[in-house]
C-alpha atoms as a PDB file:
ATOM      1  CA  UNK A   1      -0.031  -0.002   0.005  1.00  0.00           C
ATOM      2  CA  UNK A   2       2.815   2.379   0.852  1.00  0.00           C
ATOM      3  CA  UNK A   3       4.569   1.621  -2.495  1.00  0.00           C
ATOM      4  CA  UNK A   4       1.342   2.344  -4.348  1.00  0.00           C
ATOM      5  CA  UNK A   5       0.808   5.537  -2.419  1.00  0.00           C
ATOM      6  CA  UNK A   6       4.364   6.770  -3.034  1.00  0.00           C
ATOM      7  CA  UNK A   7       3.913   6.011  -6.707  1.00  0.00           C
ATOM      8  CA  UNK A   8       0.755   8.146  -6.771  1.00  0.00           C
ATOM      9  CA  UNK A   9       2.497  11.024  -4.966  1.00  0.00           C
ATOM     10  CA  UNK A  10       5.442  10.807  -7.381  1.00  0.00           C
ATOM     11  CA  UNK A  11       3.084  10.905 -10.390  1.00  0.00           C
ATOM     12  CA  UNK A  12       0.929  13.836  -9.189  1.00  0.00           C
ATOM     13  CA  UNK A  13       3.437  15.965  -7.211  1.00  0.00           C
ATOM     14  CA  UNK A  14       6.904  14.618  -8.017  1.00  0.00           C
ATOM     15  CA  UNK A  15       9.613  16.958  -9.199  1.00  0.00           C
ATOM     16  CA  UNK A  16      13.383  16.462  -9.363  1.00  0.00           C
ATOM     17  CA  UNK A  17      13.949  19.289  -6.823  1.00  0.00           C
ATOM     18  CA  UNK A  18      11.258  18.079  -4.461  1.00  0.00           C
ATOM     19  CA  UNK A  19      11.654  18.519  -0.674  1.00  0.00           C
ATOM     20  CA  UNK A  20      11.520  15.830   1.981  1.00  0.00           C
ATOM     21  CA  UNK A  21      10.510  17.249   5.426  1.00  0.00           C
ATOM     22  CA  UNK A  22      10.771  15.646   8.881  1.00  0.00           C
ATOM     23  CA  UNK A  23       8.991  16.757  12.000  1.00  0.00           C
ATOM     24  CA  UNK A  24       7.128  15.272  14.989  1.00  0.00           C
ATOM     25  CA  UNK A  25       3.782  16.119  16.603  1.00  0.00           C
ATOM     26  CA  UNK A  26       1.880  15.067  19.600  1.00  0.00           C
ATOM     27  CA  UNK A  27      -1.651  13.753  20.217  1.00  0.00           C
ATOM     28  CA  UNK A  28      -3.243  14.386  23.563  1.00  0.00           C
ATOM     29  CA  UNK A  29      -4.646  11.325  25.291  1.00  0.00           C
ATOM     30  CA  UNK A  30      -6.778  11.041  28.468  1.00  0.00           C
ATOM     31  CA  UNK A  31      -6.146   7.400  29.353  1.00  0.00           C
ATOM     32  CA  UNK A  32      -3.154   5.123  29.708  1.00  0.00           C
ATOM     33  CA  UNK A  33      -4.024   2.299  27.283  1.00  0.00           C
ATOM     34  CA  UNK A  34      -2.863   3.689  23.882  1.00  0.00           C
ATOM     35  CA  UNK A  35       0.486   2.342  22.690  1.00  0.00           C
ATOM     36  CA  UNK A  36       3.289   4.773  23.506  1.00  0.00           C
ATOM     37  CA  UNK A  37       1.185   7.054  25.637  1.00  0.00           C
ATOM     38  CA  UNK A  38       3.096   8.918  28.359  1.00  0.00           C
ATOM     39  CA  UNK A  39       3.663  12.336  29.798  1.00  0.00           C
ATOM     40  CA  UNK A  40       5.801  13.916  27.155  1.00  0.00           C
ATOM     41  CA  UNK A  41       6.232  17.178  25.252  1.00  0.00           C
ATOM     42  CA  UNK A  42       3.281  17.845  22.936  1.00  0.00           C
ATOM     43  CA  UNK A  43       4.113  20.321  20.162  1.00  0.00           C
ATOM     44  CA  UNK A  44       0.450  21.093  19.452  1.00  0.00           C
ATOM     45  CA  UNK A  45       0.038  22.346  23.045  1.00  0.00           C
ATOM     46  CA  UNK A  46       3.499  23.624  23.582  1.00  0.00           C
ATOM     47  CA  UNK A  47       3.925  21.828  26.881  1.00  0.00           C
ATOM     48  CA  UNK A  48       4.328  18.465  28.562  1.00  0.00           C
ATOM     49  CA  UNK A  49       1.071  16.520  28.597  1.00  0.00           C
ATOM     50  CA  UNK A  50      -0.241  12.901  28.540  1.00  0.00           C
ATOM     51  CA  UNK A  51      -0.229  11.755  24.941  1.00  0.00           C
ATOM     52  CA  UNK A  52       1.389   9.980  21.982  1.00  0.00           C
ATOM     53  CA  UNK A  53       4.077  11.406  19.666  1.00  0.00           C
ATOM     54  CA  UNK A  54       4.589  10.577  16.057  1.00  0.00           C
ATOM     55  CA  UNK A  55       7.417  11.394  13.691  1.00  0.00           C
ATOM     56  CA  UNK A  56       6.378  12.239  10.112  1.00  0.00           C
ATOM     57  CA  UNK A  57       7.859  12.556   6.726  1.00  0.00           C
ATOM     58  CA  UNK A  58       6.275  15.000   4.325  1.00  0.00           C
ATOM     59  CA  UNK A  59       6.889  15.709   0.628  1.00  0.00           C
ATOM     60  CA  UNK A  60       6.537  19.057  -1.112  1.00  0.00           C
ATOM     61  CA  UNK A  61       7.038  20.419  -4.602  1.00  0.00           C
ATOM     62  CA  UNK A  62       5.656  23.241  -6.707  1.00  0.00           C
ATOM     63  CA  UNK A  63       2.725  20.913  -7.433  1.00  0.00           C
ATOM     64  CA  UNK A  64       1.624  20.531  -3.761  1.00  0.00           C
ATOM     65  CA  UNK A  65       2.457  18.560  -0.679  1.00  0.00           C
ATOM     66  CA  UNK A  66       1.515  15.334   1.071  1.00  0.00           C
ATOM     67  CA  UNK A  67       2.459  13.141   4.040  1.00  0.00           C
ATOM     68  CA  UNK A  68       4.457  10.133   2.908  1.00  0.00           C
ATOM     69  CA  UNK A  69       5.490   8.126   5.964  1.00  0.00           C
ATOM     70  CA  UNK A  70       5.247   8.044   9.736  1.00  0.00           C
ATOM     71  CA  UNK A  71       6.633   6.259  12.837  1.00  0.00           C
ATOM     72  CA  UNK A  72       5.207   6.071  16.409  1.00  0.00           C
ATOM     73  CA  UNK A  73       7.698   7.196  19.020  1.00  0.00           C
ATOM     74  CA  UNK A  74       7.872   4.776  21.959  1.00  0.00           C
ATOM     75  CA  UNK A  75       9.295   6.453  25.105  1.00  0.00           C
ATOM     76  CA  UNK A  76      12.094   4.402  26.808  1.00  0.00           C
ATOM     77  CA  UNK A  77       9.846   3.585  29.713  1.00  0.00           C
ATOM     78  CA  UNK A  78       7.628   1.582  27.413  1.00  0.00           C
ATOM     79  CA  UNK A  79      10.418  -0.874  26.756  1.00  0.00           C
ATOM     80  CA  UNK A  80      11.097  -1.676  30.490  1.00  0.00           C
ATOM     81  CA  UNK A  81       9.830  -4.738  32.353  1.00  0.00           C
ATOM     82  CA  UNK A  82       7.298  -2.512  34.203  1.00  0.00           C
ATOM     83  CA  UNK A  83       5.540  -2.032  30.835  1.00  0.00           C
ATOM     84  CA  UNK A  84       5.648  -5.635  29.679  1.00  0.00           C
ATOM     85  CA  UNK A  85       1.929  -6.218  30.269  1.00  0.00           C
ATOM     86  CA  UNK A  86       1.024  -3.000  28.414  1.00  0.00           C
ATOM     87  CA  UNK A  87       3.282  -3.905  25.441  1.00  0.00           C
ATOM     88  CA  UNK A  88       1.579  -7.358  25.179  1.00  0.00           C
ATOM     89  CA  UNK A  89      -1.865  -5.744  25.420  1.00  0.00           C
ATOM     90  CA  UNK A  90      -1.008  -3.281  22.671  1.00  0.00           C
ATOM     91  CA  UNK A  91       0.675  -6.021  20.527  1.00  0.00           C
ATOM     92  CA  UNK A  92       4.011  -4.210  20.423  1.00  0.00           C
ATOM     93  CA  UNK A  93       6.373  -6.520  18.361  1.00  0.00           C
ATOM     94  CA  UNK A  94       8.983  -8.162  20.647  1.00  0.00           C
ATOM     95  CA  UNK A  95      11.839  -7.149  18.374  1.00  0.00           C
ATOM     96  CA  UNK A  96      11.117  -3.348  18.838  1.00  0.00           C
ATOM     97  CA  UNK A  97      13.945  -1.449  20.490  1.00  0.00           C
ATOM     98  CA  UNK A  98      14.166   2.134  21.574  1.00  0.00           C
ATOM     99  CA  UNK A  99      14.741   4.675  18.809  1.00  0.00           C
ATOM    100  CA  UNK A 100      14.986   8.449  19.309  1.00  0.00           C
ATOM    101  CA  UNK A 101      12.850  10.707  17.112  1.00  0.00           C
ATOM    102  CA  UNK A 102      15.844  11.545  14.888  1.00  0.00           C
ATOM    103  CA  UNK A 103      16.612   7.832  14.523  1.00  0.00           C
ATOM    104  CA  UNK A 104      13.112   7.151  13.434  1.00  0.00           C
ATOM    105  CA  UNK A 105      13.370   9.980  10.824  1.00  0.00           C
ATOM    106  CA  UNK A 106      16.694   8.566   9.664  1.00  0.00           C
ATOM    107  CA  UNK A 107      15.092   5.135   9.146  1.00  0.00           C
ATOM    108  CA  UNK A 108      12.317   6.779   7.030  1.00  0.00           C
ATOM    109  CA  UNK A 109      14.784   8.819   5.021  1.00  0.00           C
ATOM    110  CA  UNK A 110      16.893   5.769   4.147  1.00  0.00           C
ATOM    111  CA  UNK A 111      13.831   3.680   3.280  1.00  0.00           C
ATOM    112  CA  UNK A 112      12.405   6.395   1.006  1.00  0.00           C
ATOM    113  CA  UNK A 113      15.771   6.867  -0.638  1.00  0.00           C
ATOM    114  CA  UNK A 114      16.200   3.170  -1.241  1.00  0.00           C
ATOM    115  CA  UNK A 115      12.747   2.772  -2.731  1.00  0.00           C
ATOM    116  CA  UNK A 116      13.579   5.466  -5.300  1.00  0.00           C
ATOM    117  CA  UNK A 117       9.995   6.371  -6.012  1.00  0.00           C
ATOM    118  CA  UNK A 118       9.897   9.889  -4.671  1.00  0.00           C
ATOM    119  CA  UNK A 119      12.152  12.364  -6.488  1.00  0.00           C
ATOM    120  CA  UNK A 120      13.629  14.909  -4.141  1.00  0.00           C
ATOM    121  CA  UNK A 121      16.796  17.059  -3.855  1.00  0.00           C
ATOM    122  CA  UNK A 122      16.317  18.680  -0.537  1.00  0.00           C
ATOM    123  CA  UNK A 123      15.844  17.481   3.140  1.00  0.00           C
ATOM    124  CA  UNK A 124      14.659  19.924   5.817  1.00  0.00           C
ATOM    125  CA  UNK A 125      14.190  19.496   9.616  1.00  0.00           C
ATOM    126  CA  UNK A 126      14.256  21.509  12.736  1.00  0.00           C
ATOM    127  CA  UNK A 127      17.079  21.637  15.421  1.00  0.00           C
ATOM    128  CA  UNK A 128      16.061  18.314  17.102  1.00  0.00           C
ATOM    129  CA  UNK A 129      17.264  16.574  13.965  1.00  0.00           C
ATOM    130  CA  UNK A 130      20.095  19.110  13.229  1.00  0.00           C
ATOM    131  CA  UNK A 131      21.535  18.151  16.656  1.00  0.00           C
ATOM    132  CA  UNK A 132      21.406  14.418  15.949  1.00  0.00           C
ATOM    133  CA  UNK A 133      24.545  12.611  14.687  1.00  0.00           C
ATOM    134  CA  UNK A 134      22.277   9.661  13.766  1.00  0.00           C
ATOM    135  CA  UNK A 135      20.087  11.817  11.490  1.00  0.00           C
ATOM    136  CA  UNK A 136      23.048  13.680   9.910  1.00  0.00           C
ATOM    137  CA  UNK A 137      24.923  10.416   9.272  1.00  0.00           C
ATOM    138  CA  UNK A 138      21.860   9.058   7.490  1.00  0.00           C
ATOM    139  CA  UNK A 139      21.784  12.122   5.343  1.00  0.00           C
ATOM    140  CA  UNK A 140      25.477  11.781   4.534  1.00  0.00           C
ATOM    141  CA  UNK A 141      24.782   8.270   3.077  1.00  0.00           C
ATOM    142  CA  UNK A 142      22.368   9.835   0.590  1.00  0.00           C
ATOM    143  CA  UNK A 143      24.743  11.244  -1.948  1.00  0.00           C
ATOM    144  CA  UNK A 144      23.519  14.215  -3.955  1.00  0.00           C
ATOM    145  CA  UNK A 145      21.103  15.695  -1.398  1.00  0.00           C
ATOM    146  CA  UNK A 146      21.179  19.264  -0.018  1.00  0.00           C
ATOM    147  CA  UNK A 147      20.116  19.404   3.590  1.00  0.00           C
ATOM    148  CA  UNK A 148      18.840  22.301   5.636  1.00  0.00           C
ATOM    149  CA  UNK A 149      18.584  21.572   9.306  1.00  0.00           C
ATOM    150  CA  UNK A 150      18.012  24.161  12.065  1.00  0.00           C
ATOM    151  CA  UNK A 151      20.480  24.418  14.922  1.00  0.00           C
ATOM    152  CA  UNK A 152      20.307  26.295  18.330  1.00  0.00           C
ATOM    153  CA  UNK A 153      21.860  29.745  18.585  1.00  0.00           C
ATOM    154  CA  UNK A 154      24.329  28.482  21.149  1.00  0.00           C
ATOM    155  CA  UNK A 155      25.824  25.901  18.764  1.00  0.00           C
ATOM    156  CA  UNK A 156      29.600  26.538  18.679  1.00  0.00           C
ATOM    157  CA  UNK A 157      31.779  26.591  15.586  1.00  0.00           C
ATOM    158  CA  UNK A 158      35.117  27.664  14.079  1.00  0.00           C
ATOM    159  CA  UNK A 159      35.630  29.788  10.957  1.00  0.00           C
ATOM    160  CA  UNK A 160      38.705  27.665  10.240  1.00  0.00           C
ATOM    161  CA  UNK A 161      38.974  23.999  11.118  1.00  0.00           C
ATOM    162  CA  UNK A 162      41.402  23.669  14.045  1.00  0.00           C
ATOM    163  CA  UNK A 163      44.369  21.361  14.194  1.00  0.00           C
ATOM    164  CA  UNK A 164      43.795  18.153  16.160  1.00  0.00           C
ATOM    165  CA  UNK A 165      46.570  16.181  17.933  1.00  0.00           C
ATOM    166  CA  UNK A 166      46.777  13.130  20.178  1.00  0.00           C
ATOM    167  CA  UNK A 167      47.589  13.865  23.836  1.00  0.00           C
ATOM    168  CA  UNK A 168      48.817  11.070  26.130  1.00  0.00           C
ATOM    169  CA  UNK A 169      48.110  10.900  29.898  1.00  0.00           C
ATOM    170  CA  UNK A 170      48.285   8.421  32.664  1.00  0.00           C
ATOM    171  CA  UNK A 171      45.184   7.139  34.430  1.00  0.00           C
ATOM    172  CA  UNK A 172      45.540   4.618  37.259  1.00  0.00           C
ATOM    173  CA  UNK A 173      48.953   3.633  36.038  1.00  0.00           C
ATOM    174  CA  UNK A 174      47.757   3.100  32.484  1.00  0.00           C
ATOM    175  CA  UNK A 175      48.909   5.284  29.582  1.00  0.00           C
ATOM    176  CA  UNK A 176      45.973   6.541  27.540  1.00  0.00           C
ATOM    177  CA  UNK A 177      45.422   9.032  24.721  1.00  0.00           C
ATOM    178  CA  UNK A 178      42.782  11.420  23.647  1.00  0.00           C
ATOM    179  CA  UNK A 179      42.150  13.853  20.782  1.00  0.00           C
ATOM    180  CA  UNK A 180      42.459  17.534  21.702  1.00  0.00           C
ATOM    181  CA  UNK A 181      42.507  20.802  19.776  1.00  0.00           C
ATOM    182  CA  UNK A 182      46.065  21.825  19.144  1.00  0.00           C
ATOM    183  CA  UNK A 183      47.327  25.188  20.548  1.00  0.00           C
ATOM    184  CA  UNK A 184      47.454  27.956  19.832  1.00  0.00           C
ATOM    185  CA  UNK A 185      43.916  28.256  18.379  1.00  0.00           C
ATOM    186  CA  UNK A 186      40.851  30.389  18.904  1.00  0.00           C
ATOM    187  CA  UNK A 187      37.994  28.870  21.050  1.00  0.00           C
ATOM    188  CA  UNK A 188      34.834  28.119  19.075  1.00  0.00           C
ATOM    189  CA  UNK A 189      32.220  30.898  19.135  1.00  0.00           C
ATOM    190  CA  UNK A 190      28.473  30.527  19.147  1.00  0.00           C
ATOM    191  CA  UNK A 191      26.621  30.891  15.795  1.00  0.00           C
ATOM    192  CA  UNK A 192      24.756  33.842  17.418  1.00  0.00           C
ATOM    193  CA  UNK A 193      28.019  35.579  18.163  1.00  0.00           C
ATOM    194  CA  UNK A 194      29.280  34.895  14.597  1.00  0.00           C
ATOM    195  CA  UNK A 195      26.023  36.304  13.127  1.00  0.00           C
ATOM    196  CA  UNK A 196      26.455  39.482  15.234  1.00  0.00           C
ATOM    197  CA  UNK A 197      30.050  39.957  13.990  1.00  0.00           C
ATOM    198  CA  UNK A 198      29.230  39.733  10.257  1.00  0.00           C
ATOM    199  CA  UNK A 199      29.626  42.991   8.303  1.00  0.00           C
ATOM    200  CA  UNK A 200      26.667  44.562   6.480  1.00  0.00           C
ATOM    201  CA  UNK A 201      28.176  43.513   3.156  1.00  0.00           C
ATOM    202  CA  UNK A 202      27.554  39.830   4.132  1.00  0.00           C
ATOM    203  CA  UNK A 203      23.840  40.213   4.164  1.00  0.00           C
ATOM    204  CA  UNK A 204      21.296  40.190   1.319  1.00  0.00           C
ATOM    205  CA  UNK A 205      17.514  40.435   1.194  1.00  0.00           C
ATOM    206  CA  UNK A 206      15.156  37.966  -0.326  1.00  0.00           C
ATOM    207  CA  UNK A 207      11.391  37.854  -0.537  1.00  0.00           C
ATOM    208  CA  UNK A 208      10.241  34.418   0.582  1.00  0.00           C
ATOM    209  CA  UNK A 209       6.446  34.630   0.264  1.00  0.00           C
ATOM    210  CA  UNK A 210       3.441  36.841  -0.268  1.00  0.00           C
ATOM    211  CA  UNK A 211       1.651  37.694   2.954  1.00  0.00           C
ATOM    212  CA  UNK A 212      -1.809  39.229   3.532  1.00  0.00           C
ATOM    213  CA  UNK A 213      -0.086  42.582   4.072  1.00  0.00           C
ATOM    214  CA  UNK A 214       2.383  42.295   1.280  1.00  0.00           C
ATOM    215  CA  UNK A 215       5.653  40.580   0.456  1.00  0.00           C
ATOM    216  CA  UNK A 216       7.490  38.872   3.377  1.00  0.00           C
ATOM    217  CA  UNK A 217      11.208  39.422   3.197  1.00  0.00           C
ATOM    218  CA  UNK A 218      14.178  38.389   5.276  1.00  0.00           C
ATOM    219  CA  UNK A 219      17.899  39.231   5.392  1.00  0.00           C
ATOM    220  CA  UNK A 220      20.186  36.243   4.788  1.00  0.00           C
ATOM    221  CA  UNK A 221      23.868  35.544   5.238  1.00  0.00           C
ATOM    222  CA  UNK A 222      25.996  32.458   4.879  1.00  0.00           C
ATOM    223  CA  UNK A 223      29.364  31.447   6.235  1.00  0.00           C
ATOM    224  CA  UNK A 224      31.465  28.322   5.931  1.00  0.00           C
ATOM    225  CA  UNK A 225      32.115  26.939   9.440  1.00  0.00           C
ATOM    226  CA  UNK A 226      33.279  23.805  11.252  1.00  0.00           C
ATOM    227  CA  UNK A 227      30.934  22.706  13.979  1.00  0.00           C
ATOM    228  CA  UNK A 228      32.164  21.913  17.445  1.00  0.00           C
ATOM    229  CA  UNK A 229      30.960  18.990  19.574  1.00  0.00           C
ATOM    230  CA  UNK A 230      32.416  18.401  22.976  1.00  0.00           C
ATOM    231  CA  UNK A 231      35.236  20.689  22.172  1.00  0.00           C
ATOM    232  CA  UNK A 232      36.295  18.834  19.004  1.00  0.00           C
ATOM    233  CA  UNK A 233      35.629  19.750  15.336  1.00  0.00           C
ATOM    234  CA  UNK A 234      32.971  17.678  13.536  1.00  0.00           C
ATOM    235  CA  UNK A 235      31.309  18.581  10.238  1.00  0.00           C
ATOM    236  CA  UNK A 236      32.304  21.479   8.012  1.00  0.00           C
ATOM    237  CA  UNK A 237      29.109  23.045   6.709  1.00  0.00           C
ATOM    238  CA  UNK A 238      27.489  26.178   5.354  1.00  0.00           C
ATOM    239  CA  UNK A 239      25.888  28.172   8.174  1.00  0.00           C
ATOM    240  CA  UNK A 240      22.842  29.937   6.694  1.00  0.00           C
ATOM    241  CA  UNK A 241      21.429  32.761   8.850  1.00  0.00           C
ATOM    242  CA  UNK A 242      17.914  34.146   8.392  1.00  0.00           C
ATOM    243  CA  UNK A 243      17.227  37.503  10.055  1.00  0.00           C
ATOM    244  CA  UNK A 244      13.896  39.252  10.379  1.00  0.00           C
ATOM    245  CA  UNK A 245      13.552  42.766   9.101  1.00  0.00           C
ATOM    246  CA  UNK A 246      12.656  45.671  11.386  1.00  0.00           C
ATOM    247  CA  UNK A 247      13.831  47.571  14.430  1.00  0.00           C
ATOM    248  CA  UNK A 248      14.316  44.412  16.559  1.00  0.00           C
ATOM    249  CA  UNK A 249      15.614  41.748  14.171  1.00  0.00           C
ATOM    250  CA  UNK A 250      15.857  38.068  15.298  1.00  0.00           C
ATOM    251  CA  UNK A 251      17.987  35.370  13.810  1.00  0.00           C
ATOM    252  CA  UNK A 252      17.412  31.696  12.913  1.00  0.00           C
ATOM    253  CA  UNK A 253      20.187  29.280  11.971  1.00  0.00           C
END
C-alpha cells in the first residue's frame, strides 16, 4: 500500500527538486491504554502532557504537498519490564527497540531513498534533527542531497577547522590518549556571536512569500564553518542565517 501511495504522490506531485521534510507532533490522550502514551512534550500544546508522539515525513514540490511516511515514538519507559503487560496488550512486536525521534526520521529517510519512487533534492528538519549525529549520518549516506537543518543559537563553531593532535596521559597507572584541539587556536564561538559579527556586506535580502499585508522578506547571510561537539571539530558546513527585518531583528540558523 505504501509503495502504491508513493507512486501516486510521485506521479501527481513529483519533481526532481522536491523537498522531503521531517517533524514530529503530539496527540493528547486522556487514558493510559494507547500504545506509546506517556507524559511527554506535545508540540500542538507547547507543553508536557499525557499523549502520543509521532514522527512524520512530508513531501513538497511546486505541485503541492503530502504526508508520505510516519513512525510512532515509543518512550524508553515503554520498553522496560514494568510495561511488559502494556506492550503485550497493545501487541508491540517483541523485536522493537528504543529509537529516538531523529533515529526514526533517519530510518524513514533511508527507506524512501532506497525505494527510489519519490524524486527529491532537499531535506529539511528542525534543530532536534540538526543536533542528531544519527540523522546527519543518515543524510550523509544519501549522496547528492542538499540538507537544511536548524541548529540552536548556542551551537559553537570555528571559521577555520582547528588542528587536532593526540595527547597522552596516565590514568591509574595506564597510559591513555585522547584527541584535543592543538594550541594555539581560537576557542569556538556561538553561531549567534558569529552572526552578530558579520559585516553589513555579508547580508542580502530575499522575498520568501506573499503575505496578507504584502511581500514577506528576510535578510540572509551564509558562512562556511566547522561545527564543534564536546570541544572537537565535527562537520564542516555552510551556516545559513535568516534575520527578520525591522527595528528588533531576530535570527534563525
